Amino acid sequence: MEDDLVAAYSGLGTADADKGEYHRGEECLACVKDLIRSLRDDDPQRCPVRRRLGEAKTLQTDLLPLLTKFSSDEILKNDIIRLVPPRVSELLVPCVEMRLFDYFLACSMIPH
């Protein structure tokens, strides 16, 4: 299970720190769907999937950059919003068309 989870979040894409860009992985949408499935099946008491995604900083390093750069992809956008914790997703829905990463940095919600 751990290997599948790592493969799923690793397949989302990669950041190019030198250029300040995020490159979507070839199987990005399939990886998002795998993560949705993993979270749905997560142990509600111990939450190992949620903990692992938090440790990997998947929200900050992959999901928000994907939403920012590929916001015109409605299917991807909606599936990513399903992955985000409920309180954060309430904030995302009204500002999805904005540059989300900049928005969250301005709100100090993402450690930088």
C-alpha atoms as a PDB file:
ATOM      1  CA  MET A   1       0.000   0.000   0.000  1.00  0.00           C
ATOM      2  CA  GLU A   2       2.812   2.439   0.878  1.00  0.00           C
ATOM      3  CA  ASP A   3       4.467   1.888  -2.515  1.00  0.00           C
ATOM      4  CA  ASP A   4       1.188   2.544  -4.351  1.00  0.00           C
ATOM      5  CA  LEU A   5       0.632   5.725  -2.377  1.00  0.00           C
ATOM      6  CA  VAL A   6       4.156   7.012  -3.066  1.00  0.00           C
ATOM      7  CA  ALA A   7       3.746   6.164  -6.756  1.00  0.00           C
ATOM      8  CA  ALA A   8       0.437   8.049  -6.856  1.00  0.00           C
ATOM      9  CA  TYR A   9       1.689  11.288  -5.343  1.00  0.00           C
ATOM     10  CA  SER A  10       5.011  11.071  -7.172  1.00  0.00           C
ATOM     11  CA  GLY A  11       3.179  10.795 -10.485  1.00  0.00           C
ATOM     12  CA  LEU A  12       1.304  14.070 -10.030  1.00  0.00           C
ATOM     13  CA  GLY A  13       4.130  16.123 -11.493  1.00  0.00           C
ATOM     14  CA  THR A  14       7.364  17.903 -10.705  1.00  0.00           C
ATOM     15  CA  ALA A  15       8.424  21.404  -9.777  1.00  0.00           C
ATOM     16  CA  ASP A  16      11.189  23.200 -11.610  1.00  0.00           C
ATOM     17  CA  ALA A  17      12.503  25.473  -8.865  1.00  0.00           C
ATOM     18  CA  ASP A  18      14.899  27.292 -11.204  1.00  0.00           C
ATOM     19  CA  LYS A  19      12.071  28.430 -13.487  1.00  0.00           C
ATOM     20  CA  GLY A  20       9.361  28.563 -10.831  1.00  0.00           C
ATOM     21  CA  GLU A  21       7.196  26.206 -12.877  1.00  0.00           C
ATOM     22  CA  TYR A  22       5.258  23.041 -12.188  1.00  0.00           C
ATOM     23  CA  HIS A  23       5.102  20.297 -14.808  1.00  0.00           C
ATOM     24  CA  ARG A  24       2.100  17.998 -14.821  1.00  0.00           C
ATOM     25  CA  GLY A  25       2.888  14.269 -14.860  1.00  0.00           C
ATOM     26  CA  GLU A  26       1.708  12.163 -17.795  1.00  0.00           C
ATOM     27  CA  GLU A  27      -0.605  10.162 -15.530  1.00  0.00           C
ATOM     28  CA  CYS A  28      -1.598  13.084 -13.300  1.00  0.00           C
ATOM     29  CA  LEU A  29      -5.357  12.617 -13.443  1.00  0.00           C
ATOM     30  CA  ALA A  30      -5.053   8.860 -12.823  1.00  0.00           C
ATOM     31  CA  CYS A  31      -2.783   9.607  -9.849  1.00  0.00           C
ATOM     32  CA  VAL A  32      -5.322  12.051  -8.413  1.00  0.00           C
ATOM     33  CA  LYS A  33      -8.016   9.404  -8.741  1.00  0.00           C
ATOM     34  CA  ASP A  34      -5.731   6.869  -7.016  1.00  0.00           C
ATOM     35  CA  LEU A  35      -5.240   9.312  -4.150  1.00  0.00           C
ATOM     36  CA  ILE A  36      -9.007   9.830  -3.861  1.00  0.00           C
ATOM     37  CA  ARG A  37      -9.449   6.063  -3.663  1.00  0.00           C
ATOM     38  CA  SER A  38      -6.679   5.758  -1.059  1.00  0.00           C
ATOM     39  CA  LEU A  39      -8.224   8.460   1.105  1.00  0.00           C
ATOM     40  CA  ARG A  40     -11.650   6.890   0.811  1.00  0.00           C
ATOM     41  CA  ASP A  41     -10.231   3.581   2.067  1.00  0.00           C
ATOM     42  CA  ASP A  42      -8.047   5.188   4.760  1.00  0.00           C
ATOM     43  CA  ASP A  43      -8.339   3.877   8.328  1.00  0.00           C
ATOM     44  CA  PRO A  44     -10.518   6.498  10.068  1.00  0.00           C
ATOM     45  CA  GLN A  45      -8.791   5.944  13.420  1.00  0.00           C
ATOM     46  CA  ARG A  46      -5.104   5.960  12.491  1.00  0.00           C
ATOM     47  CA  CYS A  47      -5.315   7.864   9.156  1.00  0.00           C
ATOM     48  CA  PRO A  48      -2.029   6.511   7.715  1.00  0.00           C
ATOM     49  CA  VAL A  49      -2.768   7.780   4.197  1.00  0.00           C
ATOM     50  CA  ARG A  50      -3.607  11.292   5.357  1.00  0.00           C
ATOM     51  CA  ARG A  51      -0.527  11.343   7.566  1.00  0.00           C
ATOM     52  CA  ARG A  52       1.758  10.188   4.741  1.00  0.00           C
ATOM     53  CA  LEU A  53       0.366  12.785   2.334  1.00  0.00           C
ATOM     54  CA  GLY A  54       0.879  15.440   4.996  1.00  0.00           C
ATOM     55  CA  GLU A  55       4.462  14.335   5.629  1.00  0.00           C
ATOM     56  CA  ALA A  56       5.145  14.504   1.886  1.00  0.00           C
ATOM     57  CA  LYS A  57       3.573  18.003   1.784  1.00  0.00           C
ATOM     58  CA  THR A  58       1.502  16.918  -1.199  1.00  0.00           C
ATOM     59  CA  LEU A  59      -0.938  19.808  -0.808  1.00  0.00           C
ATOM     60  CA  GLN A  60       1.780  22.454  -0.910  1.00  0.00           C
ATOM     61  CA  THR A  61       4.162  20.867  -3.391  1.00  0.00           C
ATOM     62  CA  ASP A  62       1.750  19.310  -5.893  1.00  0.00           C
ATOM     63  CA  LEU A  63      -1.964  19.963  -5.476  1.00  0.00           C
ATOM     64  CA  LEU A  64      -1.905  23.759  -5.153  1.00  0.00           C
ATOM     65  CA  PRO A  65       0.561  24.222  -8.041  1.00  0.00           C
ATOM     66  CA  LEU A  66      -1.619  21.934 -10.188  1.00  0.00           C
ATOM     67  CA  LEU A  67      -4.712  23.968  -9.347  1.00  0.00           C
ATOM     68  CA  THR A  68      -2.891  27.184 -10.117  1.00  0.00           C
ATOM     69  CA  LYS A  69      -1.420  26.189 -13.451  1.00  0.00           C
ATOM     70  CA  PHE A  70      -4.148  23.885 -14.765  1.00  0.00           C
ATOM     71  CA  SER A  71      -7.295  25.577 -13.430  1.00  0.00           C
ATOM     72  CA  SER A  72      -8.933  25.396 -16.858  1.00  0.00           C
ATOM     73  CA  ASP A  73      -8.987  21.571 -16.659  1.00  0.00           C
ATOM     74  CA  GLU A  74     -12.364  21.189 -14.931  1.00  0.00           C
ATOM     75  CA  ILE A  75     -12.069  17.440 -14.286  1.00  0.00           C
ATOM     76  CA  LEU A  76      -8.621  17.741 -12.726  1.00  0.00           C
ATOM     77  CA  LYS A  77      -9.643  20.824 -10.726  1.00  0.00           C
ATOM     78  CA  ASN A  78     -12.745  19.156  -9.288  1.00  0.00           C
ATOM     79  CA  ASP A  79     -10.884  15.977  -8.381  1.00  0.00           C
ATOM     80  CA  ILE A  80      -8.092  17.897  -6.661  1.00  0.00           C
ATOM     81  CA  ILE A  81     -10.637  19.839  -4.623  1.00  0.00           C
ATOM     82  CA  ARG A  82     -12.033  16.465  -3.485  1.00  0.00           C
ATOM     83  CA  LEU A  83      -8.571  15.620  -2.098  1.00  0.00           C
ATOM     84  CA  VAL A  84      -8.167  18.776  -0.070  1.00  0.00           C
ATOM     85  CA  PRO A  85      -9.222  18.757   3.606  1.00  0.00           C
ATOM     86  CA  PRO A  86     -12.761  20.150   4.052  1.00  0.00           C
ATOM     87  CA  ARG A  87     -11.853  23.448   5.719  1.00  0.00           C
ATOM     88  CA  VAL A  88      -9.243  24.229   3.079  1.00  0.00           C
ATOM     89  CA  SER A  89     -11.538  23.236   0.194  1.00  0.00           C
ATOM     90  CA  GLU A  90     -14.143  25.744   1.433  1.00  0.00           C
ATOM     91  CA  LEU A  91     -11.536  28.422   0.782  1.00  0.00           C
ATOM     92  CA  LEU A  92     -10.487  26.984  -2.577  1.00  0.00           C
ATOM     93  CA  VAL A  93     -13.855  26.904  -4.276  1.00  0.00           C
ATOM     94  CA  PRO A  94     -14.362  30.704  -4.442  1.00  0.00           C
ATOM     95  CA  CYS A  95     -10.783  31.452  -5.452  1.00  0.00           C
ATOM     96  CA  VAL A  96      -9.924  28.605  -7.843  1.00  0.00           C
ATOM     97  CA  GLU A  97      -9.530  30.995 -10.755  1.00  0.00           C
ATOM     98  CA  MET A  98      -6.970  33.092  -8.843  1.00  0.00           C
ATOM     99  CA  ARG A  99      -3.307  32.254  -8.541  1.00  0.00           C
ATOM    100  CA  LEU A 100      -3.960  29.934  -5.600  1.00  0.00           C
ATOM    101  CA  PHE A 101      -0.421  29.478  -4.447  1.00  0.00           C
ATOM    102  CA  ASP A 102       0.043  33.250  -4.199  1.00  0.00           C
ATOM    103  CA  TYR A 103      -3.298  33.529  -2.439  1.00  0.00           C
ATOM    104  CA  PHE A 104      -2.372  30.991   0.213  1.00  0.00           C
ATOM    105  CA  LEU A 105       1.072  32.486   0.706  1.00  0.00           C
ATOM    106  CA  ALA A 106      -0.536  35.861   1.262  1.00  0.00           C
ATOM    107  CA  CYS A 107      -2.864  34.298   3.826  1.00  0.00           C
ATOM    108  CA  SER A 108       0.108  32.553   5.496  1.00  0.00           C
ATOM    109  CA  MET A 109      -1.596  29.188   5.188  1.00  0.00           C
ATOM    110  CA  ILE A 110       1.413  27.545   3.583  1.00  0.00           C
ATOM    111  CA  PRO A 111       4.722  27.571   5.391  1.00  0.00           C
ATOM    112  CA  HIS A 112       7.395  29.129   3.162  1.00  0.00           C
END
